[in-house]
Protein backbone atom coordinates (compact mmCIF):
# COMPACT_ATOMS: atom_id res chain seq x y z
CA MET A 1 -13.65 -17.05 -22.12
CA LYS A 2 -16.41 -18.82 -20.21
CA HIS A 3 -13.88 -21.46 -19.11
CA LEU A 4 -11.94 -18.78 -17.18
CA GLU A 5 -14.84 -17.86 -14.88
CA PHE A 6 -13.96 -18.75 -11.27
CA SER A 7 -11.00 -20.83 -12.47
CA LYS A 8 -8.09 -21.47 -10.13
CA TRP A 9 -4.44 -20.84 -10.95
CA THR A 10 -0.99 -21.31 -9.45
CA SER A 11 1.77 -18.80 -10.11
CA VAL A 12 5.13 -20.45 -10.74
CA THR A 13 6.76 -17.62 -8.77
CA SER A 14 5.26 -15.91 -5.72
CA ILE A 15 3.29 -12.74 -6.45
CA GLN A 16 2.86 -10.50 -3.40
CA ASN A 17 3.97 -13.51 -1.31
CA TRP A 18 1.20 -15.79 -2.63
CA ARG A 19 0.96 -18.41 -5.38
CA HIS A 20 -2.68 -19.58 -5.47
CA TYR A 21 -5.20 -17.32 -7.16
CA GLU A 22 -8.79 -17.48 -8.35
CA VAL A 23 -10.33 -15.50 -11.21
CA LEU A 24 -12.65 -12.74 -10.03
CA ASN A 25 -13.39 -10.76 -13.23
CA ILE A 26 -12.68 -11.16 -16.93
CA ASN A 27 -12.02 -8.14 -19.15
CA LYS A 28 -12.38 -9.34 -22.74
CA LYS A 29 -11.70 -5.94 -24.30
CA LYS A 30 -8.38 -5.43 -22.54
CA GLN A 31 -7.55 -9.16 -22.61
CA PHE A 32 -6.86 -9.69 -18.91
CA VAL A 33 -8.35 -11.30 -15.82
CA GLU A 34 -8.53 -9.89 -12.32
CA MET A 35 -7.56 -12.47 -9.72
CA PHE A 36 -7.47 -12.61 -5.94
CA SER A 37 -5.21 -14.60 -3.66
CA VAL A 38 -7.00 -17.54 -2.09
CA CYS A 39 -5.07 -17.09 1.18
CA ASN A 40 -5.53 -13.31 1.38
CA LYS A 41 -8.58 -12.06 -0.50
CA LYS A 42 -7.40 -8.45 -0.18
CA VAL A 43 -4.53 -9.20 -2.58
CA LYS A 44 -5.75 -8.65 -6.16
CA ILE A 45 -3.75 -8.75 -9.37
CA GLU A 46 -4.35 -8.37 -13.09
CA VAL A 47 -2.95 -10.99 -15.47
CA SER A 48 -3.06 -10.91 -19.27
CA PHE A 49 -4.56 -13.82 -21.19
CA LYS A 50 -1.16 -14.26 -22.84
CA ASP A 51 0.58 -14.68 -19.46
CA LEU A 52 -1.98 -17.27 -18.33
CA GLN A 53 -1.11 -19.36 -21.38
CA ASN A 54 2.60 -19.26 -20.48
CA LYS A 55 3.36 -22.46 -18.52
CA LYS A 56 6.56 -20.86 -17.20
CA LYS A 57 4.42 -18.26 -15.37
CA TRP A 58 1.07 -19.91 -14.58
CA GLN A 59 -0.36 -23.39 -14.14
CA SER A 60 -4.04 -24.20 -14.21
CA GLY A 61 -5.48 -25.39 -10.90
CA TRP A 62 -3.85 -25.36 -7.51
CA VAL A 63 -0.49 -27.03 -7.84
CA GLU A 64 2.13 -27.55 -5.14
CA ILE A 65 5.41 -26.00 -6.24
CA VAL A 66 8.52 -26.82 -4.24
CA ASP A 67 11.35 -24.30 -4.40
């Protein structure tokens, strides 16, 4: 789980109008990470470890996605 600390992610689809997120907290017991939008730090979401592994939902790093 150490590799998830402060990691950056791109959502394949917009979440609350944003795609680029950074990990803020890791909850090992509940198997999720809390993330914030890089463009609007007030926007916070929770994402399960399983969803982060799904390439159809999330990509590691900040990736440009053209619709």
